[in-house]
Amino acid sequence: MPDQSPSLSQCNVNAEDPGAANDQTDGDEAAGSEDGGLEVQTLVIRKKRTGRRLDKYLQGRFPRLSRTLIQKLIKQGEITVNGKKAKNSYEPALGDEVAVRVPPPEPTDITPEDIPLTIIYEDDHMLALNKQIDIICHPSKSTGLGTLANGLAFYAGQNLSSGSEAFRPGIVHRLDKNTSGIMLVAKTDEAHWRLSLQFEKREIQKTYFGICEGEVSLDRDIINQPLADHPMIKERYMVPGFPTRQMLFKDAVTKYEVQERFRGFTTVHMFPKTGRTHQLRVHMSAIGYPLVGDTFYGGHHLSEMQISGEGLEETLLAFQALHAFKIEFRHPISEKTMELIAPIPDRLTRIVDLLRTHRQQ
């Protein structure tokens, strides 16, 4: 995919205030040149970035450069402040001149595939889709085909942002392989970094629907428990009972509200404040109410016979009962407040109907 890094006109925007796109006096000034064949972007800070680290600030301005790569460039001296090397933790000050030697984009040869996509919303800057289950978001070393990115490449072609990392064109955030629901996709780099900034500042409200095992005791609560990699099981996460210095853990916060209680089951709405991998699944399991079908974190498969005492033994749900059904955010260009909804899928509504029929309290 060709390089779609921000043009100079796109860079002349106040990264702290996306709504200031047309305020040329308040936005950072930008200029470009070439040095040894490499593009050099120069940004002059026109607004103090209190609490904003240099690496995180530049990640928002250059969406195709990962934060890891930006930190590497800062360490190598390819990114300077006022002509001098700086640290990743440096907070840009008023009047600072930040020069970035932009490396060429990594090859992102994604094979287009005609994978069905359910588009909920689309305009010239972004789109939103209702992701199906059993599909990962982007290629990995072991998987080059059959991903959401392949389907997007077929659907939108070149009309996608260059992405924050290789092989992720347009993808702003992710859902687990077997979690369905709303995902936002950027078509332009400007839309990408503006949406990413909203995620980073935790301004985007996501609402998930889930079916839990057990009768959740509290009507609503906030789960504030950090997550860490499981020490024994690859790609699994856990709430550490006694965090140690050797265990890298990250803060994770989930709010939930009970919707309906049944004998042995509860439907809930979950509102993640942070966006850690497997966060909702781990948190609900940690308080004793794993998601139905989530065998990775203590849940069990479910059949019609198990609910009603009769009927079919066939598995109703092969994966976790989790669906991202609503998202609220500001449109990255117009600043209009958006609320998009992906209907609860049939695989989950069927279970709820059976619970209402056979498991009413």
Protein backbone atom coordinates (compact mmCIF):
# COMPACT_ATOMS: atom_id res chain seq x y z
CA MET A 1 0.00 0.00 0.00
CA PRO A 2 1.44 3.43 -0.91
CA ASP A 3 2.58 5.79 1.78
CA GLN A 4 -0.36 7.81 3.12
CA SER A 5 1.43 9.64 5.93
CA PRO A 6 -0.11 13.02 6.76
CA SER A 7 0.48 15.80 4.26
CA LEU A 8 1.87 19.08 5.53
CA SER A 9 -1.58 20.62 5.51
CA GLN A 10 -2.91 17.71 7.55
CA CYS A 11 -0.09 18.08 10.08
CA ASN A 12 -0.93 21.72 10.77
CA VAL A 13 -3.45 20.75 13.45
CA ASN A 14 -3.61 21.08 17.21
CA ALA A 15 -3.14 17.50 18.45
CA GLU A 16 -4.44 18.36 21.93
CA ASP A 17 -7.67 19.77 20.49
CA PRO A 18 -8.94 17.96 17.36
CA GLY A 19 -11.61 20.62 16.99
CA ALA A 20 -8.94 23.24 16.30
CA ALA A 21 -8.23 21.94 12.79
CA ASN A 22 -9.08 25.31 11.25
CA ASP A 23 -7.44 27.43 13.94
CA GLN A 24 -4.06 28.05 12.33
CA THR A 25 -2.80 30.26 15.16
CA ASP A 26 -3.51 27.69 17.89
CA GLY A 27 -2.31 24.63 15.98
CA ASP A 28 1.30 23.47 15.75
CA GLU A 29 3.10 24.72 12.67
CA ALA A 30 4.53 22.10 10.33
CA ALA A 31 7.03 22.08 7.50
CA GLY A 32 8.65 19.38 5.41
CA SER A 33 11.89 18.73 3.55
CA GLU A 34 14.14 15.88 2.47
CA ASP A 35 17.43 14.77 3.98
CA GLY A 36 19.37 12.03 2.28
CA GLY A 37 16.20 10.78 0.61
CA LEU A 38 14.27 10.66 3.89
CA GLU A 39 11.32 12.93 4.54
CA VAL A 40 11.87 15.35 7.43
CA GLN A 41 8.84 16.78 9.22
CA THR A 42 9.36 19.78 11.49
CA LEU A 43 6.70 20.71 14.04
CA VAL A 44 6.72 23.92 16.06
CA ILE A 45 4.77 23.60 19.30
CA ARG A 46 2.25 26.42 19.64
CA LYS A 47 0.44 25.05 22.70
CA LYS A 48 1.98 23.61 25.86
CA ARG A 49 1.53 19.84 26.06
CA THR A 50 1.12 19.40 29.82
CA GLY A 51 1.38 15.76 30.77
CA ARG A 52 1.97 14.67 27.15
CA ARG A 53 5.15 12.66 26.59
CA LEU A 54 7.06 13.24 23.37
CA ASP A 55 6.63 9.65 22.15
CA LYS A 56 2.86 9.63 22.76
CA TYR A 57 2.44 13.07 21.18
CA LEU A 58 4.26 11.99 18.01
CA GLN A 59 2.32 8.72 17.85
CA GLY A 60 -0.84 10.78 17.47
CA ARG A 61 0.70 12.90 14.71
CA PHE A 62 2.20 10.00 12.74
CA PRO A 63 -0.35 7.16 12.87
CA ARG A 64 1.62 4.81 10.66
CA LEU A 65 4.58 4.89 13.09
CA SER A 66 4.13 2.62 16.10
CA ARG A 67 5.05 3.96 19.51
CA THR A 68 7.83 1.37 19.71
CA LEU A 69 9.34 2.66 16.46
CA ILE A 70 9.02 6.29 17.60
CA GLN A 71 10.83 5.45 20.84
CA LYS A 72 13.57 3.76 18.81
CA LEU A 73 13.92 6.80 16.52
CA ILE A 74 14.15 9.12 19.54
CA LYS A 75 16.88 6.94 21.05
CA GLN A 76 18.79 6.91 17.73
CA GLY A 77 18.61 10.71 17.45
CA GLU A 78 16.38 10.61 14.36
CA ILE A 79 13.88 12.72 16.31
CA THR A 80 15.25 15.88 17.91
CA VAL A 81 13.89 18.79 19.92
CA ASN A 82 15.47 22.17 19.14
CA GLY A 83 18.26 20.34 17.31
CA LYS A 84 19.18 18.16 20.30
CA LYS A 85 18.45 14.59 21.31
CA ALA A 86 15.58 14.16 23.76
CA LYS A 87 14.06 11.47 25.92
CA ASN A 88 10.80 9.67 25.28
CA SER A 89 9.42 11.15 28.51
CA TYR A 90 10.18 14.75 27.53
CA GLU A 91 7.08 16.98 27.52
CA PRO A 92 7.06 19.36 24.52
CA ALA A 93 7.08 23.01 25.63
CA LEU A 94 5.76 26.14 23.96
CA GLY A 95 8.00 27.10 21.02
CA ASP A 96 9.83 23.77 20.79
CA GLU A 97 10.86 22.71 17.29
CA VAL A 98 10.50 18.96 16.86
CA ALA A 99 12.22 17.45 13.81
CA VAL A 100 11.30 13.94 12.70
CA ARG A 101 13.23 12.02 10.06
CA VAL A 102 10.36 9.88 8.79
CA PRO A 103 11.47 6.41 7.64
CA PRO A 104 9.84 4.91 4.55
CA PRO A 105 6.70 2.90 5.27
CA GLU A 106 7.04 -0.82 5.84
CA PRO A 107 5.67 -3.00 3.05
CA THR A 108 2.03 -3.77 3.68
CA ASP A 109 1.13 -6.18 0.93
CA ILE A 110 -2.25 -7.36 2.12
CA THR A 111 -3.99 -9.71 -0.25
CA PRO A 112 -7.55 -8.50 -0.89
CA GLU A 113 -10.16 -11.16 -0.13
CA ASP A 114 -13.88 -11.09 -0.75
CA ILE A 115 -14.83 -11.56 2.90
CA PRO A 116 -18.40 -10.48 3.76
CA LEU A 117 -18.46 -7.27 5.79
CA THR A 118 -21.50 -5.73 7.47
CA ILE A 119 -21.07 -1.97 7.16
CA ILE A 120 -23.03 0.06 9.70
CA TYR A 121 -21.82 3.53 8.74
CA GLU A 122 -19.55 5.01 6.08
CA ASP A 123 -18.44 8.40 4.77
CA ASP A 124 -15.33 9.83 3.09
CA HIS A 125 -13.27 9.74 6.30
CA MET A 126 -14.22 6.57 8.17
CA LEU A 127 -16.48 3.56 8.33
CA ALA A 128 -17.91 1.35 11.07
CA LEU A 129 -18.59 -2.35 10.67
CA ASN A 130 -20.22 -5.13 12.65
CA LYS A 131 -17.42 -7.67 13.00
CA GLN A 132 -18.40 -11.32 12.79
CA ILE A 133 -17.00 -14.03 15.07
CA ASP A 134 -14.20 -16.43 14.15
CA ILE A 135 -12.07 -13.84 12.36
CA ILE A 136 -8.95 -11.99 13.54
CA CYS A 137 -8.42 -8.33 12.76
CA HIS A 138 -5.09 -8.34 10.92
CA PRO A 139 -2.46 -10.73 9.55
CA SER A 140 0.22 -12.18 11.78
CA LYS A 141 3.39 -14.13 11.11
CA SER A 142 1.37 -17.35 10.95
CA THR A 143 -1.79 -15.96 9.33
CA GLY A 144 -1.69 -13.97 6.12
CA LEU A 145 -5.19 -14.55 4.80
CA GLY A 146 -8.73 -14.67 6.10
CA THR A 147 -8.43 -11.59 8.33
CA LEU A 148 -10.54 -8.48 8.62
CA ALA A 149 -7.72 -6.48 7.04
CA ASN A 150 -7.88 -8.71 3.94
CA GLY A 151 -11.62 -8.09 3.69
CA LEU A 152 -11.15 -4.34 4.12
CA ALA A 153 -8.47 -4.29 1.41
CA PHE A 154 -10.99 -5.91 -0.97
CA TYR A 155 -13.84 -3.62 0.07
CA ALA A 156 -12.06 -0.25 0.24
CA GLY A 157 -8.89 -0.81 -1.78
CA GLN A 158 -6.55 2.18 -1.39
CA ASN A 159 -9.17 4.20 0.50
CA LEU A 160 -7.86 3.33 3.95
CA SER A 161 -5.43 5.02 6.32
CA SER A 162 -1.91 3.64 6.35
CA GLY A 163 -2.49 2.28 9.85
CA SER A 164 -0.50 2.52 13.07
CA GLU A 165 1.59 -0.56 12.24
CA ALA A 166 2.38 -2.72 9.24
CA PHE A 167 -0.48 -4.87 7.95
CA ARG A 168 -3.12 -2.86 9.82
CA PRO A 169 -4.46 -0.39 7.23
CA GLY A 170 -7.44 1.51 8.56
CA ILE A 171 -7.71 -0.46 11.80
CA VAL A 172 -7.98 1.90 14.79
CA HIS A 173 -8.87 -0.64 17.50
CA ARG A 174 -9.48 -4.38 17.71
CA LEU A 175 -11.88 -7.00 18.99
CA ASP A 176 -10.96 -10.54 20.02
CA LYS A 177 -11.25 -13.20 17.34
CA ASN A 178 -14.51 -14.54 18.74
CA THR A 179 -16.02 -11.29 19.97
CA SER A 180 -18.49 -9.72 17.56
CA GLY A 181 -19.60 -6.12 17.28
CA ILE A 182 -18.73 -2.59 16.26
CA MET A 183 -15.27 -1.61 15.04
CA LEU A 184 -14.18 1.78 13.71
CA VAL A 185 -12.00 1.95 10.58
CA ALA A 186 -10.21 5.08 9.34
CA LYS A 187 -10.00 5.95 5.67
CA THR A 188 -7.53 8.83 6.04
CA ASP A 189 -4.50 9.30 8.26
CA GLU A 190 -6.04 12.44 9.73
CA ALA A 191 -9.17 10.51 10.74
CA HIS A 192 -6.94 7.73 12.11
CA TRP A 193 -4.92 9.87 14.49
CA ARG A 194 -7.95 11.86 15.61
CA LEU A 195 -9.86 8.66 16.48
CA SER A 196 -6.75 7.18 18.09
CA LEU A 197 -6.44 10.29 20.26
CA GLN A 198 -10.01 9.83 21.50
CA PHE A 199 -9.22 6.22 22.42
CA GLU A 200 -5.98 7.27 24.12
CA LYS A 201 -7.77 9.93 26.18
CA ARG A 202 -10.54 7.41 26.99
CA GLU A 203 -13.21 9.65 25.50
CA ILE A 204 -14.88 6.89 23.49
CA GLN A 205 -17.70 5.04 25.26
CA LYS A 206 -18.06 1.36 24.34
CA THR A 207 -20.92 -0.81 25.56
CA TYR A 208 -20.78 -4.61 25.44
CA PHE A 209 -23.55 -7.15 25.95
CA GLY A 210 -22.69 -10.40 27.70
CA ILE A 211 -24.32 -13.46 29.23
CA CYS A 212 -22.65 -14.62 32.45
CA GLU A 213 -22.81 -17.87 34.35
CA GLY A 214 -24.29 -17.41 37.81
CA GLU A 215 -26.61 -14.79 39.27
CA VAL A 216 -24.58 -11.60 39.61
CA SER A 217 -25.23 -10.30 43.13
CA LEU A 218 -24.79 -6.53 42.61
CA ASP A 219 -26.97 -4.52 40.22
CA ARG A 220 -23.92 -2.53 39.15
CA ASP A 221 -20.28 -2.23 40.14
CA ILE A 222 -16.84 -1.14 38.98
CA ILE A 223 -14.09 -3.74 38.67
CA ASN A 224 -10.73 -2.05 39.16
CA GLN A 225 -8.19 -4.85 38.96
CA PRO A 226 -4.93 -4.85 36.98
CA LEU A 227 -4.18 -7.51 34.39
CA ALA A 228 -0.96 -9.42 33.71
CA ASP A 229 0.23 -12.12 31.35
CA HIS A 230 -0.44 -15.60 32.70
CA PRO A 231 2.93 -17.08 33.75
CA MET A 232 2.13 -20.57 32.46
CA ILE A 233 -0.43 -20.28 29.62
CA LYS A 234 0.45 -18.42 26.43
CA GLU A 235 -1.95 -15.67 25.26
CA ARG A 236 -3.89 -15.88 28.51
CA TYR A 237 -4.25 -13.07 31.03
CA MET A 238 -5.01 -12.96 34.72
CA VAL A 239 -5.72 -10.73 37.69
CA PRO A 240 -2.55 -11.11 39.79
CA GLY A 241 -3.34 -11.93 43.40
CA PHE A 242 -0.05 -10.50 44.65
CA PRO A 243 1.66 -8.37 41.95
CA THR A 244 5.43 -8.50 42.09
CA ARG A 245 8.17 -6.52 40.41
CA GLN A 246 8.83 -9.46 38.11
CA MET A 247 5.19 -9.48 36.96
CA LEU A 248 4.31 -6.76 34.44
CA PHE A 249 0.72 -5.72 35.06
CA LYS A 250 -1.43 -2.94 33.60
CA ASP A 251 -4.32 -1.05 35.11
CA ALA A 252 -7.75 -2.20 33.92
CA VAL A 253 -11.17 -0.82 34.84
CA THR A 254 -14.59 -2.19 33.87
CA LYS A 255 -18.03 -0.94 34.88
CA TYR A 256 -20.98 -3.32 34.54
CA GLU A 257 -24.75 -3.16 35.00
CA VAL A 258 -27.10 -6.13 35.35
CA GLN A 259 -29.87 -6.26 32.74
CA GLU A 260 -31.75 -9.47 33.62
CA ARG A 261 -31.26 -12.26 36.13
CA PHE A 262 -32.29 -15.86 35.51
CA ARG A 263 -31.82 -19.03 37.50
CA GLY A 264 -28.11 -19.66 37.03
CA PHE A 265 -27.45 -16.90 34.50
CA THR A 266 -27.31 -13.08 34.16
CA THR A 267 -27.25 -10.72 31.19
CA VAL A 268 -25.08 -7.64 31.69
CA HIS A 269 -23.92 -4.49 29.96
CA MET A 270 -20.19 -3.80 30.34
CA PHE A 271 -18.45 -0.46 29.89
CA PRO A 272 -14.64 -0.80 29.68
CA LYS A 273 -12.78 2.28 30.86
CA THR A 274 -9.50 0.81 29.64
CA GLY A 275 -9.01 -1.41 26.60
CA ARG A 276 -6.78 -4.30 27.68
CA THR A 277 -6.72 -7.57 25.77
CA HIS A 278 -9.40 -9.98 27.09
CA GLN A 279 -10.24 -7.40 29.78
CA LEU A 280 -13.99 -8.04 30.05
CA ARG A 281 -13.59 -11.80 29.94
CA VAL A 282 -10.92 -11.83 32.66
CA HIS A 283 -12.71 -9.33 34.89
CA MET A 284 -16.07 -11.13 34.86
CA SER A 285 -14.32 -14.43 35.53
CA ALA A 286 -12.30 -12.86 38.36
CA ILE A 287 -15.47 -11.85 40.25
CA GLY A 288 -16.94 -15.33 39.80
CA TYR A 289 -19.22 -14.85 36.80
CA PRO A 290 -17.43 -16.05 33.64
CA LEU A 291 -19.04 -15.47 30.27
CA VAL A 292 -21.09 -18.35 28.87
CA GLY A 293 -19.02 -20.30 26.35
CA ASP A 294 -15.70 -18.77 27.42
CA THR A 295 -13.89 -22.00 28.28
CA PHE A 296 -10.55 -20.13 28.28
CA TYR A 297 -11.59 -18.26 31.43
CA GLY A 298 -13.79 -20.71 33.28
CA GLY A 299 -17.03 -20.61 31.27
CA HIS A 300 -18.81 -23.61 29.77
CA HIS A 301 -20.51 -24.51 26.53
CA LEU A 302 -24.30 -24.45 26.68
CA SER A 303 -27.03 -26.54 25.06
CA GLU A 304 -30.79 -26.12 24.85
CA MET A 305 -31.20 -29.21 27.05
CA GLN A 306 -29.07 -27.66 29.79
CA ILE A 307 -31.38 -24.63 29.86
CA SER A 308 -34.77 -26.31 29.51
CA GLY A 309 -34.18 -29.88 30.67
CA GLU A 310 -35.33 -31.06 27.28
CA GLY A 311 -34.70 -30.37 23.60
CA LEU A 312 -31.35 -30.58 21.85
CA GLU A 313 -27.89 -31.43 23.17
CA GLU A 314 -26.21 -29.45 20.40
CA THR A 315 -23.98 -26.61 21.54
CA LEU A 316 -25.78 -23.27 21.39
CA LEU A 317 -22.62 -21.24 21.65
CA ALA A 318 -19.12 -22.32 20.68
CA PHE A 319 -17.48 -19.05 21.82
CA GLN A 320 -17.84 -16.45 24.55
CA ALA A 321 -21.22 -14.70 24.83
CA LEU A 322 -19.82 -11.22 24.23
CA HIS A 323 -20.89 -8.58 21.71
CA ALA A 324 -19.81 -4.93 21.31
CA PHE A 325 -23.20 -3.48 20.47
CA LYS A 326 -22.79 0.28 20.94
CA ILE A 327 -20.09 2.91 20.56
CA GLU A 328 -20.25 6.67 21.22
CA PHE A 329 -17.56 9.03 19.90
CA ARG A 330 -16.92 12.31 18.08
CA HIS A 331 -16.66 12.15 14.33
CA PRO A 332 -12.94 12.68 13.61
CA ILE A 333 -13.54 15.53 11.13
CA SER A 334 -16.97 17.09 11.74
CA GLU A 335 -16.73 16.70 15.56
CA LYS A 336 -20.38 15.61 15.52
CA THR A 337 -21.33 13.27 18.38
CA MET A 338 -21.95 9.80 16.95
CA GLU A 339 -23.79 6.82 18.45
CA LEU A 340 -23.68 3.60 16.43
CA ILE A 341 -25.38 0.33 17.30
CA ALA A 342 -24.81 -3.24 16.09
CA PRO A 343 -27.85 -5.41 16.89
CA ILE A 344 -27.36 -8.34 19.27
CA PRO A 345 -26.68 -11.38 17.05
CA ASP A 346 -29.16 -14.26 16.74
CA ARG A 347 -26.76 -16.67 18.47
CA LEU A 348 -27.14 -14.62 21.68
CA THR A 349 -30.79 -13.59 21.41
CA ARG A 350 -31.75 -17.27 21.07
CA ILE A 351 -30.10 -18.03 24.42
CA VAL A 352 -31.85 -15.08 26.08
CA ASP A 353 -35.22 -16.24 24.69
CA LEU A 354 -34.64 -19.73 26.10
CA LEU A 355 -33.63 -18.30 29.48
CA ARG A 356 -36.77 -16.15 29.60
CA THR A 357 -38.90 -19.18 28.81
CA HIS A 358 -37.26 -21.75 31.09
CA ARG A 359 -35.10 -19.94 33.67
CA GLN A 360 -37.15 -17.04 34.98
CA GLN A 361 -36.50 -16.42 38.68
